[in-house]
Amino acid sequence: MDTNIFVNLIASGACGAAAAAVTVYTNEDTDGEIKRITEAPYEGAVPIAAALVGDAVFHSIPGINVLFQLLAEPAGAACGVSYMMLLLLSSQAVDPNTLAPKGTVVNAEKSKDNRALVRVPFSQIIPTALKVVDTSNQGFSGAGWEISEDGLPKLPVTSVAIVVGVGTLILEAAGHAPVLGLFLPRVFTCALCLAAAGAVLDKKK
């Protein structure tokens, strides 16, 4: 694993830009997200840049870089799976033939009930995912989800663990396939850094 900071800055910048582009493109309000990044730098461009610099720094420290890769890569993949899980959950309907949201993934029709509240930008995926998990696991019996005080649906922790766990394994397998293995693992670590930066901003608000 290369520990040259300049090489890692280039790698993190390129892979982070790809991760950021996907999250912006799949955002419910793409134009609004672009405007937020460009016109409110301390809420958009600066945290993104800081996240990618952080990723490059962690990859440049001997010893730490291996541990960081081992922990951040599956965690970043889990963030991606959680993002798609909430996008599907917030959709009005799912096409049974493709298992994709009604409409398209980019422009999925939004549910008209409480599920719509979980359609959030990727920068808010960590706090939102934590809020919707029902650690009491009451809904796993088939009773369905409950609604929390802030209006978000509460999902059984067992169901969430199964979906996120299996999805992460699939993404991790894809990330180490020929060709994809050259860049996808770094995309996952950058995704985690971007999600973590968003969680820090959410905490400050």
N, C-alpha and C. Protein backbone atom coordinates (compact mmCIF):
# COMPACT_ATOMS: atom_id res chain seq x y z
N MET A 1 0.85 -1.19 0.00
CA MET A 1 0.00 0.00 0.00
C MET A 1 0.88 1.24 0.00
N ASP A 2 0.68 2.13 -0.97
CA ASP A 2 1.52 3.31 -1.13
C ASP A 2 1.26 4.31 0.00
N THR A 3 2.35 4.80 0.61
CA THR A 3 2.22 5.77 1.70
C THR A 3 2.60 7.18 1.27
N ASN A 4 2.80 7.39 -0.02
CA ASN A 4 3.13 8.72 -0.54
C ASN A 4 1.89 9.61 -0.45
N ILE A 5 1.98 10.70 0.31
CA ILE A 5 0.82 11.55 0.54
C ILE A 5 0.28 12.16 -0.74
N PHE A 6 1.17 12.48 -1.68
CA PHE A 6 0.72 13.10 -2.93
C PHE A 6 -0.03 12.09 -3.80
N VAL A 7 0.46 10.86 -3.84
CA VAL A 7 -0.24 9.80 -4.57
C VAL A 7 -1.61 9.55 -3.95
N ASN A 8 -1.65 9.53 -2.63
CA ASN A 8 -2.92 9.28 -1.94
C ASN A 8 -3.89 10.44 -2.07
N LEU A 9 -3.38 11.66 -2.13
CA LEU A 9 -4.26 12.80 -2.36
C LEU A 9 -4.94 12.70 -3.72
N ILE A 10 -4.17 12.27 -4.72
CA ILE A 10 -4.73 12.11 -6.06
C ILE A 10 -5.77 10.98 -6.07
N ALA A 11 -5.41 9.85 -5.44
CA ALA A 11 -6.32 8.70 -5.41
C ALA A 11 -7.61 9.01 -4.65
N SER A 12 -7.45 9.64 -3.47
CA SER A 12 -8.64 9.97 -2.67
C SER A 12 -9.48 11.04 -3.37
N GLY A 13 -8.81 11.98 -4.03
CA GLY A 13 -9.54 13.02 -4.74
C GLY A 13 -10.38 12.45 -5.88
N ALA A 14 -9.77 11.54 -6.65
CA ALA A 14 -10.47 10.95 -7.79
C ALA A 14 -11.61 10.05 -7.33
N CYS A 15 -11.33 9.14 -6.38
CA CYS A 15 -12.36 8.21 -5.91
C CYS A 15 -13.43 8.94 -5.08
N GLY A 16 -13.00 9.94 -4.31
CA GLY A 16 -13.95 10.72 -3.54
C GLY A 16 -14.87 11.53 -4.43
N ALA A 17 -14.32 12.04 -5.52
CA ALA A 17 -15.15 12.80 -6.48
C ALA A 17 -16.20 11.88 -7.09
N ALA A 18 -15.82 10.63 -7.36
CA ALA A 18 -16.77 9.67 -7.92
C ALA A 18 -17.88 9.37 -6.91
N ALA A 19 -17.49 9.16 -5.64
CA ALA A 19 -18.48 8.88 -4.60
C ALA A 19 -19.41 10.08 -4.40
N ALA A 20 -18.82 11.29 -4.38
CA ALA A 20 -19.62 12.50 -4.18
C ALA A 20 -20.58 12.72 -5.36
N ALA A 21 -20.10 12.44 -6.56
CA ALA A 21 -20.94 12.63 -7.75
C ALA A 21 -22.16 11.72 -7.71
N VAL A 22 -21.96 10.47 -7.29
CA VAL A 22 -23.09 9.53 -7.19
C VAL A 22 -24.11 10.01 -6.17
N THR A 23 -23.61 10.47 -5.01
CA THR A 23 -24.53 10.91 -3.96
C THR A 23 -25.28 12.19 -4.35
N VAL A 24 -24.62 13.06 -5.10
CA VAL A 24 -25.28 14.29 -5.56
C VAL A 24 -26.32 13.95 -6.63
N TYR A 25 -25.94 13.07 -7.55
CA TYR A 25 -26.81 12.70 -8.66
C TYR A 25 -28.06 11.96 -8.20
N THR A 26 -27.94 11.19 -7.12
CA THR A 26 -29.09 10.44 -6.61
C THR A 26 -29.86 11.20 -5.54
N ASN A 27 -29.42 12.43 -5.25
CA ASN A 27 -30.11 13.24 -4.25
C ASN A 27 -31.50 13.61 -4.75
N GLU A 28 -32.44 13.71 -3.84
CA GLU A 28 -33.81 14.07 -4.22
C GLU A 28 -33.86 15.42 -4.93
N ASP A 29 -33.05 16.37 -4.46
CA ASP A 29 -32.97 17.70 -5.06
C ASP A 29 -31.53 17.92 -5.53
N THR A 30 -31.22 17.39 -6.72
CA THR A 30 -29.84 17.46 -7.23
C THR A 30 -29.38 18.90 -7.38
N ASP A 31 -30.22 19.74 -7.96
CA ASP A 31 -29.84 21.14 -8.16
C ASP A 31 -29.62 21.84 -6.82
N GLY A 32 -30.47 21.54 -5.84
CA GLY A 32 -30.32 22.16 -4.53
C GLY A 32 -29.05 21.70 -3.83
N GLU A 33 -28.70 20.42 -4.02
CA GLU A 33 -27.47 19.89 -3.41
C GLU A 33 -26.23 20.52 -4.04
N ILE A 34 -26.26 20.69 -5.36
CA ILE A 34 -25.14 21.35 -6.04
C ILE A 34 -25.02 22.80 -5.57
N LYS A 35 -26.16 23.46 -5.42
CA LYS A 35 -26.16 24.84 -4.95
C LYS A 35 -25.61 24.92 -3.53
N ARG A 36 -25.97 23.97 -2.68
CA ARG A 36 -25.49 23.97 -1.30
C ARG A 36 -23.97 23.80 -1.26
N ILE A 37 -23.46 22.92 -2.09
CA ILE A 37 -22.02 22.65 -2.11
C ILE A 37 -21.24 23.86 -2.60
N THR A 38 -21.78 24.52 -3.63
CA THR A 38 -21.04 25.63 -4.24
C THR A 38 -21.25 26.96 -3.54
N GLU A 39 -22.44 27.18 -2.98
CA GLU A 39 -22.74 28.49 -2.40
C GLU A 39 -22.64 28.53 -0.88
N ALA A 40 -22.60 27.38 -0.25
CA ALA A 40 -22.41 27.32 1.21
C ALA A 40 -21.21 26.43 1.48
N PRO A 41 -20.01 26.94 1.21
CA PRO A 41 -18.80 26.10 1.27
C PRO A 41 -18.57 25.39 2.59
N TYR A 42 -18.93 26.04 3.71
CA TYR A 42 -18.68 25.41 5.01
C TYR A 42 -19.67 24.30 5.33
N GLU A 43 -20.70 24.17 4.50
CA GLU A 43 -21.64 23.06 4.65
C GLU A 43 -21.50 22.05 3.51
N GLY A 44 -20.74 22.41 2.48
CA GLY A 44 -20.62 21.54 1.31
C GLY A 44 -19.20 21.24 0.90
N ALA A 45 -18.58 22.19 0.19
CA ALA A 45 -17.27 21.95 -0.40
C ALA A 45 -16.18 21.71 0.65
N VAL A 46 -16.18 22.50 1.71
CA VAL A 46 -15.12 22.38 2.73
C VAL A 46 -15.17 21.02 3.45
N PRO A 47 -16.33 20.57 3.95
CA PRO A 47 -16.38 19.24 4.57
C PRO A 47 -16.00 18.12 3.61
N ILE A 48 -16.40 18.23 2.34
CA ILE A 48 -16.04 17.22 1.36
C ILE A 48 -14.53 17.17 1.18
N ALA A 49 -13.92 18.36 1.02
CA ALA A 49 -12.47 18.43 0.86
C ALA A 49 -11.76 17.89 2.09
N ALA A 50 -12.25 18.26 3.27
CA ALA A 50 -11.63 17.79 4.53
C ALA A 50 -11.73 16.27 4.65
N ALA A 51 -12.87 15.71 4.25
CA ALA A 51 -13.06 14.26 4.31
C ALA A 51 -12.07 13.54 3.41
N LEU A 52 -11.88 14.06 2.21
CA LEU A 52 -10.98 13.41 1.26
C LEU A 52 -9.52 13.58 1.65
N VAL A 53 -9.17 14.73 2.21
CA VAL A 53 -7.81 14.92 2.72
C VAL A 53 -7.56 13.96 3.88
N GLY A 54 -8.56 13.82 4.75
CA GLY A 54 -8.44 12.88 5.86
C GLY A 54 -8.23 11.46 5.37
N ASP A 55 -8.97 11.07 4.33
CA ASP A 55 -8.80 9.73 3.76
C ASP A 55 -7.38 9.55 3.24
N ALA A 56 -6.86 10.56 2.56
CA ALA A 56 -5.50 10.48 2.02
C ALA A 56 -4.46 10.40 3.13
N VAL A 57 -4.66 11.16 4.20
CA VAL A 57 -3.71 11.15 5.32
C VAL A 57 -3.69 9.79 6.00
N PHE A 58 -4.87 9.23 6.26
CA PHE A 58 -4.93 7.92 6.91
C PHE A 58 -4.27 6.84 6.05
N HIS A 59 -4.39 6.97 4.73
CA HIS A 59 -3.76 6.00 3.83
C HIS A 59 -2.26 6.20 3.73
N SER A 60 -1.75 7.30 4.25
CA SER A 60 -0.33 7.62 4.11
C SER A 60 0.48 7.30 5.36
N ILE A 61 -0.17 6.92 6.44
CA ILE A 61 0.53 6.63 7.70
C ILE A 61 0.81 5.13 7.77
N PRO A 62 2.09 4.73 7.74
CA PRO A 62 2.42 3.29 7.80
C PRO A 62 1.83 2.62 9.04
N GLY A 63 1.26 1.46 8.84
CA GLY A 63 0.64 0.73 9.94
C GLY A 63 -0.81 1.13 10.12
N ILE A 64 -1.04 2.42 10.29
CA ILE A 64 -2.42 2.92 10.42
C ILE A 64 -3.19 2.71 9.13
N ASN A 65 -2.50 2.84 7.99
CA ASN A 65 -3.20 2.73 6.71
C ASN A 65 -3.85 1.36 6.51
N VAL A 66 -3.16 0.30 6.95
CA VAL A 66 -3.72 -1.04 6.81
C VAL A 66 -4.95 -1.20 7.69
N LEU A 67 -4.85 -0.77 8.94
CA LEU A 67 -5.98 -0.86 9.86
C LEU A 67 -7.16 -0.02 9.37
N PHE A 68 -6.84 1.18 8.88
CA PHE A 68 -7.88 2.07 8.37
C PHE A 68 -8.61 1.42 7.20
N GLN A 69 -7.86 0.83 6.28
CA GLN A 69 -8.47 0.18 5.12
C GLN A 69 -9.37 -0.97 5.55
N LEU A 70 -8.90 -1.76 6.51
CA LEU A 70 -9.67 -2.92 6.97
C LEU A 70 -10.98 -2.52 7.62
N LEU A 71 -10.97 -1.40 8.35
CA LEU A 71 -12.17 -0.96 9.06
C LEU A 71 -13.06 -0.07 8.20
N ALA A 72 -12.45 0.86 7.48
CA ALA A 72 -13.21 1.88 6.75
C ALA A 72 -13.86 1.34 5.49
N GLU A 73 -13.22 0.35 4.86
CA GLU A 73 -13.76 -0.16 3.60
C GLU A 73 -15.13 -0.81 3.78
N PRO A 74 -15.29 -1.79 4.69
CA PRO A 74 -16.64 -2.35 4.87
C PRO A 74 -17.62 -1.36 5.47
N ALA A 75 -17.12 -0.44 6.31
CA ALA A 75 -18.02 0.56 6.89
C ALA A 75 -18.55 1.50 5.80
N GLY A 76 -17.69 1.86 4.85
CA GLY A 76 -18.13 2.70 3.74
C GLY A 76 -19.12 1.98 2.84
N ALA A 77 -18.87 0.69 2.61
CA ALA A 77 -19.81 -0.11 1.82
C ALA A 77 -21.16 -0.19 2.54
N ALA A 78 -21.12 -0.32 3.87
CA ALA A 78 -22.36 -0.37 4.66
C ALA A 78 -23.13 0.94 4.56
N CYS A 79 -22.41 2.06 4.51
CA CYS A 79 -23.07 3.36 4.34
C CYS A 79 -23.78 3.41 2.99
N GLY A 80 -23.13 2.89 1.96
CA GLY A 80 -23.76 2.87 0.64
C GLY A 80 -25.00 2.00 0.61
N VAL A 81 -24.92 0.84 1.25
CA VAL A 81 -26.08 -0.05 1.31
C VAL A 81 -27.22 0.60 2.10
N SER A 82 -26.88 1.25 3.20
CA SER A 82 -27.90 1.93 4.02
C SER A 82 -28.58 3.04 3.23
N TYR A 83 -27.79 3.76 2.44
CA TYR A 83 -28.33 4.85 1.61
C TYR A 83 -29.36 4.29 0.63
N MET A 84 -29.02 3.18 -0.04
CA MET A 84 -29.95 2.58 -0.99
C MET A 84 -31.16 1.97 -0.28
N MET A 85 -30.93 1.41 0.91
CA MET A 85 -32.03 0.83 1.67
C MET A 85 -33.06 1.90 2.02
N LEU A 86 -32.59 3.06 2.48
CA LEU A 86 -33.51 4.13 2.84
C LEU A 86 -34.18 4.74 1.61
N LEU A 87 -33.47 4.76 0.49
CA LEU A 87 -34.07 5.26 -0.75
C LEU A 87 -35.22 4.35 -1.18
N LEU A 88 -35.00 3.04 -1.08
CA LEU A 88 -36.06 2.09 -1.41
C LEU A 88 -37.22 2.20 -0.44
N LEU A 89 -36.90 2.33 0.84
CA LEU A 89 -37.93 2.42 1.87
C LEU A 89 -38.82 3.64 1.68
N SER A 90 -38.19 4.74 1.24
CA SER A 90 -38.95 5.99 1.10
C SER A 90 -39.72 6.08 -0.21
N SER A 91 -39.55 5.09 -1.08
CA SER A 91 -40.22 5.12 -2.38
C SER A 91 -41.69 4.75 -2.24
N GLN A 92 -42.47 5.26 -3.17
CA GLN A 92 -43.91 4.99 -3.15
C GLN A 92 -44.20 3.53 -3.42
N ALA A 93 -43.42 2.92 -4.30
CA ALA A 93 -43.63 1.51 -4.63
C ALA A 93 -42.34 0.96 -5.22
N VAL A 94 -42.21 -0.35 -5.21
CA VAL A 94 -41.04 -1.01 -5.77
C VAL A 94 -41.50 -1.93 -6.89
N ASP A 95 -40.86 -1.83 -8.05
CA ASP A 95 -41.18 -2.67 -9.19
C ASP A 95 -40.78 -4.11 -8.86
N PRO A 96 -41.71 -5.04 -8.80
CA PRO A 96 -41.37 -6.42 -8.41
C PRO A 96 -40.45 -7.12 -9.39
N ASN A 97 -40.42 -6.64 -10.64
CA ASN A 97 -39.57 -7.27 -11.66
C ASN A 97 -38.11 -6.87 -11.52
N THR A 98 -37.87 -5.64 -11.11
CA THR A 98 -36.49 -5.14 -11.04
C THR A 98 -36.05 -4.86 -9.61
N LEU A 99 -37.00 -4.88 -8.65
CA LEU A 99 -36.74 -4.52 -7.26
C LEU A 99 -36.20 -3.09 -7.14
N ALA A 100 -36.47 -2.27 -8.15
CA ALA A 100 -36.05 -0.87 -8.14
C ALA A 100 -37.25 0.00 -7.78
N PRO A 101 -37.01 1.22 -7.25
CA PRO A 101 -38.12 2.10 -6.91
C PRO A 101 -38.96 2.45 -8.13
N LYS A 102 -40.24 2.69 -7.92
CA LYS A 102 -41.10 3.12 -9.01
C LYS A 102 -40.59 4.45 -9.54
N GLY A 103 -40.41 4.55 -10.82
CA GLY A 103 -39.78 5.71 -11.43
C GLY A 103 -38.38 5.28 -11.83
N THR A 104 -37.37 5.90 -11.24
CA THR A 104 -35.99 5.46 -11.40
C THR A 104 -35.28 5.66 -10.08
N VAL A 105 -34.09 5.09 -9.93
CA VAL A 105 -33.33 5.29 -8.69
C VAL A 105 -33.02 6.76 -8.50
N VAL A 106 -32.73 7.46 -9.61
CA VAL A 106 -32.39 8.87 -9.54
C VAL A 106 -33.61 9.73 -9.23
N ASN A 107 -34.77 9.33 -9.76
CA ASN A 107 -35.97 10.14 -9.59
C ASN A 107 -37.12 9.26 -9.09
N ALA A 108 -36.85 8.56 -8.00
CA ALA A 108 -37.86 7.63 -7.46
C ALA A 108 -39.06 8.40 -6.91
N GLU A 109 -40.24 7.86 -7.17
CA GLU A 109 -41.45 8.49 -6.62
C GLU A 109 -41.45 8.32 -5.10
N LYS A 110 -41.74 9.41 -4.42
CA LYS A 110 -41.65 9.42 -2.97
C LYS A 110 -42.95 8.96 -2.32
N SER A 111 -42.81 8.21 -1.25
CA SER A 111 -43.97 7.75 -0.50
C SER A 111 -44.73 8.93 0.09
N LYS A 112 -46.02 8.72 0.33
CA LYS A 112 -46.83 9.80 0.89
C LYS A 112 -47.08 9.62 2.39
N ASP A 113 -46.41 8.63 3.00
CA ASP A 113 -46.55 8.45 4.43
C ASP A 113 -45.22 8.75 5.13
N ASN A 114 -45.07 8.26 6.35
CA ASN A 114 -43.87 8.57 7.14
C ASN A 114 -42.57 8.09 6.51
N ARG A 115 -42.66 7.12 5.62
CA ARG A 115 -41.43 6.61 4.99
C ARG A 115 -40.70 7.68 4.19
N ALA A 116 -41.45 8.71 3.73
CA ALA A 116 -40.83 9.76 2.94
C ALA A 116 -39.76 10.52 3.73
N LEU A 117 -39.86 10.50 5.05
CA LEU A 117 -38.92 11.25 5.89
C LEU A 117 -37.51 10.68 5.87
N VAL A 118 -37.36 9.42 5.43
CA VAL A 118 -36.03 8.83 5.41
C VAL A 118 -35.30 9.09 4.09
N ARG A 119 -35.91 9.82 3.17
CA ARG A 119 -35.22 10.21 1.93
C ARG A 119 -34.33 11.40 2.27
N VAL A 120 -33.09 11.13 2.59
CA VAL A 120 -32.17 12.16 3.03
C VAL A 120 -30.92 12.15 2.16
N PRO A 121 -30.17 13.26 2.12
CA PRO A 121 -28.89 13.28 1.40
C PRO A 121 -27.91 12.29 2.04
N PHE A 122 -26.92 11.87 1.28
CA PHE A 122 -25.93 10.91 1.78
C PHE A 122 -25.20 11.47 3.01
N SER A 123 -25.06 12.78 3.06
CA SER A 123 -24.36 13.40 4.20
C SER A 123 -25.08 13.18 5.52
N GLN A 124 -26.37 12.82 5.45
CA GLN A 124 -27.15 12.59 6.67
C GLN A 124 -27.45 11.11 6.90
N ILE A 125 -26.74 10.24 6.17
CA ILE A 125 -27.08 8.82 6.22
C ILE A 125 -26.80 8.19 7.58
N ILE A 126 -25.70 8.56 8.23
CA ILE A 126 -25.35 7.94 9.50
C ILE A 126 -26.36 8.30 10.61
N PRO A 127 -26.63 9.60 10.85
CA PRO A 127 -27.60 9.92 11.91
C PRO A 127 -29.00 9.40 11.61
N THR A 128 -29.41 9.43 10.34
CA THR A 128 -30.75 8.95 9.98
C THR A 128 -30.85 7.44 10.16
N ALA A 129 -29.83 6.71 9.70
CA ALA A 129 -29.85 5.26 9.83
C ALA A 129 -29.89 4.84 11.29
N LEU A 130 -29.18 5.55 12.13
CA LEU A 130 -29.18 5.22 13.56
C LEU A 130 -30.55 5.51 14.19
N LYS A 131 -31.23 6.55 13.71
CA LYS A 131 -32.53 6.92 14.28
C LYS A 131 -33.62 5.91 13.92
N VAL A 132 -33.53 5.30 12.75
CA VAL A 132 -34.62 4.42 12.31
C VAL A 132 -34.48 2.99 12.84
N VAL A 133 -33.35 2.67 13.43
CA VAL A 133 -33.15 1.30 13.94
C VAL A 133 -33.87 1.13 15.27
N ASP A 134 -34.73 0.13 15.33
CA ASP A 134 -35.46 -0.20 16.56
C ASP A 134 -34.72 -1.32 17.27
N THR A 135 -33.95 -0.96 18.28
CA THR A 135 -33.14 -1.96 19.00
C THR A 135 -34.00 -2.93 19.82
N SER A 136 -35.26 -2.56 20.08
CA SER A 136 -36.14 -3.48 20.81
C SER A 136 -36.59 -4.64 19.92
N ASN A 137 -36.46 -4.42 18.58
CA ASN A 137 -36.74 -5.48 17.60
C ASN A 137 -38.20 -5.93 17.60
N GLN A 138 -39.11 -5.08 18.03
CA GLN A 138 -40.51 -5.48 18.17
C GLN A 138 -41.16 -5.80 16.83
N GLY A 139 -40.75 -5.11 15.77
CA GLY A 139 -41.40 -5.31 14.47
C GLY A 139 -40.96 -6.55 13.74
N PHE A 140 -39.95 -7.25 14.25
CA PHE A 140 -39.42 -8.40 13.52
C PHE A 140 -40.41 -9.56 13.50
N SER A 141 -41.40 -9.55 14.38
CA SER A 141 -42.37 -10.64 14.45
C SER A 141 -43.37 -10.60 13.31
N GLY A 142 -43.33 -9.52 12.52
CA GLY A 142 -44.27 -9.38 11.42
C GLY A 142 -45.33 -8.33 11.70
N ALA A 143 -45.24 -7.70 12.86
CA ALA A 143 -46.21 -6.68 13.23
C ALA A 143 -46.02 -5.39 12.43
N GLY A 144 -44.87 -5.27 11.77
CA GLY A 144 -44.59 -4.04 11.02
C GLY A 144 -43.84 -3.04 11.86
N TRP A 145 -43.43 -1.95 11.22
CA TRP A 145 -42.65 -0.97 11.96
C TRP A 145 -43.52 0.00 12.74
N GLU A 146 -42.92 0.60 13.75
CA GLU A 146 -43.59 1.62 14.53
C GLU A 146 -43.09 2.99 14.08
N ILE A 147 -43.77 4.02 14.54
CA ILE A 147 -43.38 5.39 14.21
C ILE A 147 -42.79 6.03 15.46
N SER A 148 -41.61 6.61 15.32
CA SER A 148 -40.94 7.24 16.47
C SER A 148 -41.53 8.61 16.73
N GLU A 149 -41.05 9.26 17.78
CA GLU A 149 -41.57 10.57 18.17
C GLU A 149 -41.30 11.63 17.11
N ASP A 150 -40.18 11.50 16.38
CA ASP A 150 -39.88 12.48 15.34
C ASP A 150 -40.49 12.11 13.99
N GLY A 151 -41.35 11.09 13.97
CA GLY A 151 -42.08 10.73 12.76
C GLY A 151 -41.40 9.70 11.88
N LEU A 152 -40.16 9.33 12.18
CA LEU A 152 -39.44 8.37 11.36
C LEU A 152 -39.92 6.94 11.65
N PRO A 153 -39.99 6.11 10.63
CA PRO A 153 -40.34 4.70 10.88
C PRO A 153 -39.20 4.01 11.63
N LYS A 154 -39.54 3.13 12.55
CA LYS A 154 -38.54 2.39 13.30
C LYS A 154 -38.45 0.97 12.74
N LEU A 155 -37.27 0.62 12.23
CA LEU A 155 -37.08 -0.68 11.59
C LEU A 155 -36.43 -1.66 12.55
N PRO A 156 -36.90 -2.91 12.58
CA PRO A 156 -36.31 -3.91 13.48
C PRO A 156 -34.81 -4.06 13.23
N VAL A 157 -34.03 -4.07 14.28
CA VAL A 157 -32.58 -4.13 14.13
C VAL A 157 -32.14 -5.40 13.43
N THR A 158 -32.86 -6.50 13.63
CA THR A 158 -32.51 -7.76 12.96
C THR A 158 -32.65 -7.63 11.45
N SER A 159 -33.76 -7.03 11.01
CA SER A 159 -33.98 -6.84 9.58
C SER A 159 -32.91 -5.94 8.97
N VAL A 160 -32.61 -4.85 9.67
CA VAL A 160 -31.59 -3.91 9.18
C VAL A 160 -30.23 -4.61 9.09
N ALA A 161 -29.90 -5.39 10.11
CA ALA A 161 -28.61 -6.09 10.12
C ALA A 161 -28.50 -7.07 8.95
N ILE A 162 -29.60 -7.77 8.65
CA ILE A 162 -29.58 -8.73 7.55
C ILE A 162 -29.38 -8.01 6.21
N VAL A 163 -30.17 -6.96 5.98
CA VAL A 163 -30.10 -6.24 4.71
C VAL A 163 -28.74 -5.58 4.53
N VAL A 164 -28.30 -4.84 5.54
CA VAL A 164 -27.02 -4.13 5.44
C VAL A 164 -25.85 -5.13 5.39
N GLY A 165 -25.94 -6.19 6.18
CA GLY A 165 -24.86 -7.18 6.21
C GLY A 165 -24.69 -7.88 4.88
N VAL A 166 -25.79 -8.39 4.32
CA VAL A 166 -25.72 -9.08 3.03
C VAL A 166 -25.30 -8.12 1.92
N GLY A 167 -25.87 -6.92 1.94
CA GLY A 167 -25.51 -5.92 0.92
C GLY A 167 -24.05 -5.54 0.99
N THR A 168 -23.52 -5.41 2.19
CA THR A 168 -22.11 -5.06 2.35
C THR A 168 -21.22 -6.18 1.85
N LEU A 169 -21.58 -7.41 2.12
CA LEU A 169 -20.80 -8.55 1.61
C LEU A 169 -20.77 -8.56 0.09
N ILE A 170 -21.90 -8.28 -0.53
CA ILE A 170 -21.97 -8.25 -1.99
C ILE A 170 -21.10 -7.13 -2.55
N LEU A 171 -21.19 -5.93 -1.95
CA LEU A 171 -20.37 -4.82 -2.41
C LEU A 171 -18.89 -5.09 -2.20
N GLU A 172 -18.54 -5.68 -1.06
CA GLU A 172 -17.15 -6.01 -0.78
C GLU A 172 -16.61 -7.02 -1.79
N ALA A 173 -17.42 -8.01 -2.14
CA ALA A 173 -17.01 -8.99 -3.15
C ALA A 173 -16.78 -8.31 -4.50
N ALA A 174 -17.70 -7.40 -4.85
CA ALA A 174 -17.55 -6.68 -6.11
C ALA A 174 -16.31 -5.78 -6.08
N GLY A 175 -16.05 -5.20 -4.90
CA GLY A 175 -14.92 -4.29 -4.76
C GLY A 175 -13.57 -4.95 -4.91
N HIS A 176 -13.53 -6.28 -4.81
CA HIS A 176 -12.26 -7.00 -4.95
C HIS A 176 -12.23 -7.85 -6.21
N ALA A 177 -13.17 -7.58 -7.10
CA ALA A 177 -13.17 -8.26 -8.39
C ALA A 177 -12.11 -7.64 -9.30
N PRO A 178 -11.69 -8.35 -10.35
CA PRO A 178 -10.72 -7.76 -11.29
C PRO A 178 -11.19 -6.42 -11.82
N VAL A 179 -10.31 -5.52 -12.00
CA VAL A 179 -10.54 -4.15 -12.48
C VAL A 179 -11.19 -3.29 -11.40
N LEU A 180 -12.37 -3.72 -10.89
CA LEU A 180 -13.05 -2.94 -9.86
C LEU A 180 -12.19 -2.83 -8.61
N GLY A 181 -11.38 -3.85 -8.35
CA GLY A 181 -10.52 -3.84 -7.18
C GLY A 181 -9.46 -2.75 -7.21
N LEU A 182 -9.25 -2.15 -8.38
CA LEU A 182 -8.24 -1.10 -8.50
C LEU A 182 -8.69 0.21 -7.86
N PHE A 183 -10.01 0.42 -7.81
CA PHE A 183 -10.48 1.72 -7.31
C PHE A 183 -11.66 1.64 -6.34
N LEU A 184 -12.46 0.59 -6.42
CA LEU A 184 -13.68 0.54 -5.60
C LEU A 184 -13.41 0.52 -4.09
N PRO A 185 -12.38 -0.21 -3.60
CA PRO A 185 -12.11 -0.14 -2.16
C PRO A 185 -11.84 1.27 -1.67
N ARG A 186 -11.13 2.08 -2.48
CA ARG A 186 -10.87 3.47 -2.08
C ARG A 186 -12.15 4.30 -2.15
N VAL A 187 -13.03 3.98 -3.07
CA VAL A 187 -14.33 4.66 -3.12
C VAL A 187 -15.10 4.42 -1.84
N PHE A 188 -15.04 3.18 -1.33
CA PHE A 188 -15.74 2.85 -0.09
C PHE A 188 -15.19 3.64 1.10
N THR A 189 -13.85 3.74 1.21
CA THR A 189 -13.28 4.48 2.34
C THR A 189 -13.60 5.96 2.23
N CYS A 190 -13.60 6.48 1.00
CA CYS A 190 -13.97 7.88 0.81
C CYS A 190 -15.44 8.11 1.17
N ALA A 191 -16.29 7.14 0.84
CA ALA A 191 -17.71 7.25 1.18
C ALA A 191 -17.90 7.33 2.68
N LEU A 192 -17.13 6.53 3.42
CA LEU A 192 -17.23 6.59 4.88
C LEU A 192 -16.80 7.96 5.40
N CYS A 193 -15.71 8.48 4.85
CA CYS A 193 -15.22 9.80 5.29
C CYS A 193 -16.24 10.89 4.98
N LEU A 194 -16.89 10.81 3.83
CA LEU A 194 -17.91 11.78 3.46
C LEU A 194 -19.12 11.68 4.40
N ALA A 195 -19.53 10.44 4.70
CA ALA A 195 -20.66 10.24 5.60
C ALA A 195 -20.32 10.71 7.01
N ALA A 196 -19.07 10.45 7.44
CA ALA A 196 -18.65 10.88 8.78
C ALA A 196 -18.60 12.40 8.88
N ALA A 197 -18.13 13.05 7.83
CA ALA A 197 -18.10 14.52 7.83
C ALA A 197 -19.52 15.08 7.91
N GLY A 198 -20.45 14.44 7.19
CA GLY A 198 -21.85 14.86 7.25
C GLY A 198 -22.44 14.66 8.63
N ALA A 199 -22.07 13.55 9.31
CA ALA A 199 -22.57 13.28 10.65
C ALA A 199 -22.06 14.32 11.65
N VAL A 200 -20.81 14.75 11.47
CA VAL A 200 -20.25 15.79 12.36
C VAL A 200 -21.00 17.10 12.17
N LEU A 201 -21.28 17.46 10.90
CA LEU A 201 -22.03 18.69 10.64
C LEU A 201 -23.43 18.60 11.21
N ASP A 202 -24.07 17.44 11.07
CA ASP A 202 -25.42 17.24 11.60
C ASP A 202 -25.43 17.39 13.11
N LYS A 203 -24.38 16.94 13.77
CA LYS A 203 -24.27 17.02 15.23
C LYS A 203 -24.15 18.47 15.69
N LYS A 204 -23.48 19.29 14.87
CA LYS A 204 -23.26 20.69 15.25
C LYS A 204 -24.49 21.54 15.07
N LYS A 205 -25.41 21.10 14.19
CA LYS A 205 -26.58 21.94 13.87
C LYS A 205 -27.59 21.95 15.01
